[in-house]
Amino acid sequence: MLELYDITFRQIYDVIREWKWCELQKGCELSIIKKEDVLLYAGWMEEEGTKDLDLILELIINEDLDSILPELLKREEKSDPETICSKWIFAIILVLFNQNRKDIFSLIEDIYVEFNYPEEISQFISYMPKNEAAEERKELLIKYIEANKKKWCG
C-alpha cells in the first residue's frame, strides 16, 4: 500500500521509531508493508540492542516470520486492531504531510477508503457532510498531526 503514496517503510520509521510486532504483523496483513520491511525493522532493532535480541537475531538469520513472529508477539503487550490501524493511518499521513504534498487531502481520501472509512479522518474528506472549508481542513489536519505526534512519536 505504501507504494500507492510513493513512500517507503524507512520513511515511516523515520517519523515513528517504536513499533510493536503486532503492529508490524497487522501492517503485513493489511498489505501496508511487506515481509522485507519487518526484516528491515528487525535489523534496526538488532543494531539498537533491544530486548528479545535472541529471537530478533533468529528472525534476521532465518527470515522466518511464520514461526518467529508469533514468539515475539507472545512477549509483548497486545494492542487492539483499531489502535493499530490508527497508528498506521497517522504514520502515512505524517510522511505525506512532511513531504508538503499539494494533493494531501486527495491522498487522505484514498487512505480513508483503504482503511475502510475511519471516523478519525472523516473531517478531512471533502465529500463528507459537515465538511469544513479547505483552510479549516488544513488547520484541523495540523491539530490532528500535533495530537498524534504526542501519542506516537514520543
C-alpha atoms as a PDB file:
ATOM      1  CA  MET A   1       0.000   0.000   0.000  1.00  0.00           C
ATOM      2  CA  LEU A   2       2.839   2.430   0.730  1.00  0.00           C
ATOM      3  CA  GLU A   3       3.838   2.378  -2.907  1.00  0.00           C
ATOM      4  CA  LEU A   4       0.434   3.897  -3.753  1.00  0.00           C
ATOM      5  CA  TYR A   5       1.615   7.021  -1.958  1.00  0.00           C
ATOM      6  CA  ASP A   6       5.211   6.793  -3.178  1.00  0.00           C
ATOM      7  CA  ILE A   7       6.566   6.326   0.336  1.00  0.00           C
ATOM      8  CA  THR A   8       8.653   3.620   1.988  1.00  0.00           C
ATOM      9  CA  PHE A   9       8.686   1.900   5.347  1.00  0.00           C
ATOM     10  CA  ARG A  10      12.016   3.636   6.004  1.00  0.00           C
ATOM     11  CA  GLN A  11      10.202   6.977   5.772  1.00  0.00           C
ATOM     12  CA  ILE A  12       7.555   5.670   8.176  1.00  0.00           C
ATOM     13  CA  TYR A  13      10.286   4.527  10.574  1.00  0.00           C
ATOM     14  CA  ASP A  14      11.967   7.919  10.350  1.00  0.00           C
ATOM     15  CA  VAL A  15       8.851   9.585  11.803  1.00  0.00           C
ATOM     16  CA  ILE A  16       7.761   6.816  14.211  1.00  0.00           C
ATOM     17  CA  ARG A  17      10.614   4.736  15.620  1.00  0.00           C
ATOM     18  CA  GLU A  18       8.719   2.485  18.002  1.00  0.00           C
ATOM     19  CA  TRP A  19       6.617  -0.300  16.561  1.00  0.00           C
ATOM     20  CA  LYS A  20       5.233  -3.362  18.266  1.00  0.00           C
ATOM     21  CA  TRP A  21       5.497  -6.667  16.491  1.00  0.00           C
ATOM     22  CA  CYS A  22       1.684  -6.892  16.461  1.00  0.00           C
ATOM     23  CA  GLU A  23       1.569  -3.549  14.637  1.00  0.00           C
ATOM     24  CA  LEU A  24       4.009  -4.805  12.028  1.00  0.00           C
ATOM     25  CA  GLN A  25       2.052  -8.043  11.715  1.00  0.00           C
ATOM     26  CA  LYS A  26      -1.165  -6.075  11.138  1.00  0.00           C
ATOM     27  CA  GLY A  27       0.696  -3.910   8.622  1.00  0.00           C
ATOM     28  CA  CYS A  28       1.582  -7.065   6.682  1.00  0.00           C
ATOM     29  CA  GLU A  29      -1.967  -8.441   6.948  1.00  0.00           C
ATOM     30  CA  LEU A  30      -3.350  -5.183   5.521  1.00  0.00           C
ATOM     31  CA  SER A  31      -0.634  -5.111   2.819  1.00  0.00           C
ATOM     32  CA  ILE A  32       0.675  -1.799   4.124  1.00  0.00           C
ATOM     33  CA  ILE A  33       4.156  -3.262   4.433  1.00  0.00           C
ATOM     34  CA  LYS A  34       5.873  -6.429   3.268  1.00  0.00           C
ATOM     35  CA  LYS A  35       7.803  -9.209   4.972  1.00  0.00           C
ATOM     36  CA  GLU A  36      11.025  -7.483   3.888  1.00  0.00           C
ATOM     37  CA  ASP A  37      10.012  -4.388   5.864  1.00  0.00           C
ATOM     38  CA  VAL A  38       9.582  -6.458   9.031  1.00  0.00           C
ATOM     39  CA  LEU A  39      13.037  -7.963   8.486  1.00  0.00           C
ATOM     40  CA  LEU A  40      14.431  -4.473   7.924  1.00  0.00           C
ATOM     41  CA  TYR A  41      12.876  -3.342  11.205  1.00  0.00           C
ATOM     42  CA  ALA A  42      14.347  -6.387  12.952  1.00  0.00           C
ATOM     43  CA  GLY A  43      17.761  -5.321  11.660  1.00  0.00           C
ATOM     44  CA  TRP A  44      17.294  -1.840  13.084  1.00  0.00           C
ATOM     45  CA  MET A  45      16.248  -3.333  16.424  1.00  0.00           C
ATOM     46  CA  GLU A  46      19.296  -5.605  16.429  1.00  0.00           C
ATOM     47  CA  GLU A  47      21.528  -2.570  15.903  1.00  0.00           C
ATOM     48  CA  GLU A  48      19.893  -0.832  18.865  1.00  0.00           C
ATOM     49  CA  GLY A  49      20.385  -3.868  21.086  1.00  0.00           C
ATOM     50  CA  THR A  50      16.737  -4.053  22.042  1.00  0.00           C
ATOM     51  CA  LYS A  51      15.092  -6.703  24.215  1.00  0.00           C
ATOM     52  CA  ASP A  52      14.341 -10.125  22.731  1.00  0.00           C
ATOM     53  CA  LEU A  53      17.596  -9.947  20.830  1.00  0.00           C
ATOM     54  CA  ASP A  54      17.793 -13.745  20.645  1.00  0.00           C
ATOM     55  CA  LEU A  55      14.555 -14.010  18.663  1.00  0.00           C
ATOM     56  CA  ILE A  56      15.316 -10.939  16.585  1.00  0.00           C
ATOM     57  CA  LEU A  57      18.649 -12.407  15.510  1.00  0.00           C
ATOM     58  CA  GLU A  58      16.938 -15.686  14.683  1.00  0.00           C
ATOM     59  CA  LEU A  59      14.371 -13.786  12.626  1.00  0.00           C
ATOM     60  CA  ILE A  60      17.094 -11.919  10.723  1.00  0.00           C
ATOM     61  CA  ILE A  61      19.153 -15.041  10.063  1.00  0.00           C
ATOM     62  CA  ASN A  62      16.297 -17.399   9.124  1.00  0.00           C
ATOM     63  CA  GLU A  63      13.907 -14.829   7.619  1.00  0.00           C
ATOM     64  CA  ASP A  64      11.129 -16.993   9.018  1.00  0.00           C
ATOM     65  CA  LEU A  65       8.273 -14.702  10.039  1.00  0.00           C
ATOM     66  CA  ASP A  66       5.768 -17.546  10.308  1.00  0.00           C
ATOM     67  CA  SER A  67       7.491 -19.282  13.207  1.00  0.00           C
ATOM     68  CA  ILE A  68       9.427 -16.472  14.942  1.00  0.00           C
ATOM     69  CA  LEU A  69       6.933 -13.596  14.817  1.00  0.00           C
ATOM     70  CA  PRO A  70       4.378 -15.487  16.966  1.00  0.00           C
ATOM     71  CA  GLU A  71       7.081 -15.917  19.608  1.00  0.00           C
ATOM     72  CA  LEU A  72       7.825 -12.185  19.569  1.00  0.00           C
ATOM     73  CA  LEU A  73       4.095 -11.450  19.811  1.00  0.00           C
ATOM     74  CA  LYS A  74       3.842 -13.560  22.978  1.00  0.00           C
ATOM     75  CA  ARG A  75       6.468 -11.356  24.656  1.00  0.00           C
ATOM     76  CA  GLU A  76       4.738  -8.017  24.160  1.00  0.00           C
ATOM     77  CA  GLU A  77       1.652  -6.221  25.392  1.00  0.00           C
ATOM     78  CA  LYS A  78      -1.181  -6.507  22.904  1.00  0.00           C
ATOM     79  CA  SER A  79      -2.771  -3.581  21.095  1.00  0.00           C
ATOM     80  CA  ASP A  80      -6.296  -3.556  19.757  1.00  0.00           C
ATOM     81  CA  PRO A  81      -6.717  -3.597  15.951  1.00  0.00           C
ATOM     82  CA  GLU A  82      -8.401  -0.174  15.859  1.00  0.00           C
ATOM     83  CA  THR A  83      -5.467   1.451  17.667  1.00  0.00           C
ATOM     84  CA  ILE A  84      -3.020  -0.285  15.350  1.00  0.00           C
ATOM     85  CA  CYS A  85      -4.868   0.989  12.278  1.00  0.00           C
ATOM     86  CA  SER A  86      -4.953   4.495  13.759  1.00  0.00           C
ATOM     87  CA  LYS A  87      -1.184   4.411  14.131  1.00  0.00           C
ATOM     88  CA  TRP A  88      -0.675   3.286  10.537  1.00  0.00           C
ATOM     89  CA  ILE A  89      -3.098   5.926   9.242  1.00  0.00           C
ATOM     90  CA  PHE A  90      -1.300   8.634  11.172  1.00  0.00           C
ATOM     91  CA  ALA A  91       2.149   7.429  10.083  1.00  0.00           C
ATOM     92  CA  ILE A  92       1.207   7.540   6.403  1.00  0.00           C
ATOM     93  CA  ILE A  93      -0.466  10.949   6.714  1.00  0.00           C
ATOM     94  CA  LEU A  94       2.512  12.345   8.633  1.00  0.00           C
ATOM     95  CA  VAL A  95       5.005  11.263   5.974  1.00  0.00           C
ATOM     96  CA  LEU A  96       2.815  12.740   3.242  1.00  0.00           C
ATOM     97  CA  PHE A  97       2.366  15.956   5.239  1.00  0.00           C
ATOM     98  CA  ASN A  98       6.124  16.238   5.824  1.00  0.00           C
ATOM     99  CA  GLN A  99       6.641  15.957   2.079  1.00  0.00           C
ATOM    100  CA  ASN A 100       4.476  19.093   1.655  1.00  0.00           C
ATOM    101  CA  ARG A 101       2.271  17.254  -0.809  1.00  0.00           C
ATOM    102  CA  LYS A 102      -0.076  19.648  -2.597  1.00  0.00           C
ATOM    103  CA  ASP A 103      -2.573  16.809  -3.018  1.00  0.00           C
ATOM    104  CA  ILE A 104      -2.577  15.863   0.689  1.00  0.00           C
ATOM    105  CA  PHE A 105      -6.371  15.901   1.025  1.00  0.00           C
ATOM    106  CA  SER A 106      -6.853  13.809  -2.084  1.00  0.00           C
ATOM    107  CA  LEU A 107      -4.362  11.303  -0.677  1.00  0.00           C
ATOM    108  CA  ILE A 108      -6.152  11.322   2.670  1.00  0.00           C
ATOM    109  CA  GLU A 109      -9.366  10.500   0.798  1.00  0.00           C
ATOM    110  CA  ASP A 110      -7.583   7.467  -0.658  1.00  0.00           C
ATOM    111  CA  ILE A 111      -6.381   6.469   2.820  1.00  0.00           C
ATOM    112  CA  TYR A 112      -9.933   6.906   4.085  1.00  0.00           C
ATOM    113  CA  VAL A 113     -11.151   4.338   1.563  1.00  0.00           C
ATOM    114  CA  GLU A 114      -8.172   1.964   2.017  1.00  0.00           C
ATOM    115  CA  PHE A 115      -8.735   1.808   5.780  1.00  0.00           C
ATOM    116  CA  ASN A 116     -12.494   1.289   5.490  1.00  0.00           C
ATOM    117  CA  TYR A 117     -13.706   4.818   6.281  1.00  0.00           C
ATOM    118  CA  PRO A 118     -12.265   5.543   9.744  1.00  0.00           C
ATOM    119  CA  GLU A 119     -14.154   8.249  11.596  1.00  0.00           C
ATOM    120  CA  GLU A 120     -10.931   9.811  12.899  1.00  0.00           C
ATOM    121  CA  ILE A 121     -10.033  11.245   9.480  1.00  0.00           C
ATOM    122  CA  SER A 122     -13.535  11.880   8.107  1.00  0.00           C
ATOM    123  CA  GLN A 123     -13.143  15.597   8.873  1.00  0.00           C
ATOM    124  CA  PHE A 124     -10.545  15.805   6.082  1.00  0.00           C
ATOM    125  CA  ILE A 125     -12.788  14.289   3.414  1.00  0.00           C
ATOM    126  CA  SER A 126     -14.250  16.847   1.038  1.00  0.00           C
ATOM    127  CA  TYR A 127     -17.428  14.942   0.201  1.00  0.00           C
ATOM    128  CA  MET A 128     -18.441  14.207   3.809  1.00  0.00           C
ATOM    129  CA  PRO A 129     -21.336  16.060   5.469  1.00  0.00           C
ATOM    130  CA  LYS A 130     -20.309  18.924   7.755  1.00  0.00           C
ATOM    131  CA  ASN A 131     -17.221  19.346   5.625  1.00  0.00           C
ATOM    132  CA  GLU A 132     -15.003  22.221   6.598  1.00  0.00           C
ATOM    133  CA  ALA A 133     -13.657  24.829   4.170  1.00  0.00           C
ATOM    134  CA  ALA A 134     -10.247  23.977   2.700  1.00  0.00           C
ATOM    135  CA  GLU A 135      -8.386  26.339   5.034  1.00  0.00           C
ATOM    136  CA  GLU A 136     -10.226  24.977   8.079  1.00  0.00           C
ATOM    137  CA  ARG A 137      -9.418  21.416   6.984  1.00  0.00           C
ATOM    138  CA  LYS A 138      -5.738  22.346   6.873  1.00  0.00           C
ATOM    139  CA  GLU A 139      -5.932  23.726  10.421  1.00  0.00           C
ATOM    140  CA  LEU A 140      -7.729  20.570  11.562  1.00  0.00           C
ATOM    141  CA  LEU A 141      -5.058  18.467   9.875  1.00  0.00           C
ATOM    142  CA  ILE A 142      -2.303  20.327  11.732  1.00  0.00           C
ATOM    143  CA  LYS A 143      -4.147  19.766  15.031  1.00  0.00           C
ATOM    144  CA  TYR A 144      -4.585  16.067  14.179  1.00  0.00           C
ATOM    145  CA  ILE A 145      -0.876  15.758  13.426  1.00  0.00           C
ATOM    146  CA  GLU A 146       0.226  17.566  16.586  1.00  0.00           C
ATOM    147  CA  ALA A 147      -2.077  15.490  18.810  1.00  0.00           C
ATOM    148  CA  ASN A 148      -0.935  12.216  17.262  1.00  0.00           C
ATOM    149  CA  LYS A 149       2.745  13.180  17.356  1.00  0.00           C
ATOM    150  CA  LYS A 150       2.413  13.364  21.128  1.00  0.00           C
ATOM    151  CA  LYS A 151       0.808   9.939  21.135  1.00  0.00           C
ATOM    152  CA  TRP A 152       3.007   8.045  18.642  1.00  0.00           C
ATOM    153  CA  CYS A 153       6.257   9.943  18.190  1.00  0.00           C
ATOM    154  CA  GLY A 154       7.157  10.032  21.886  1.00  0.00           C
END
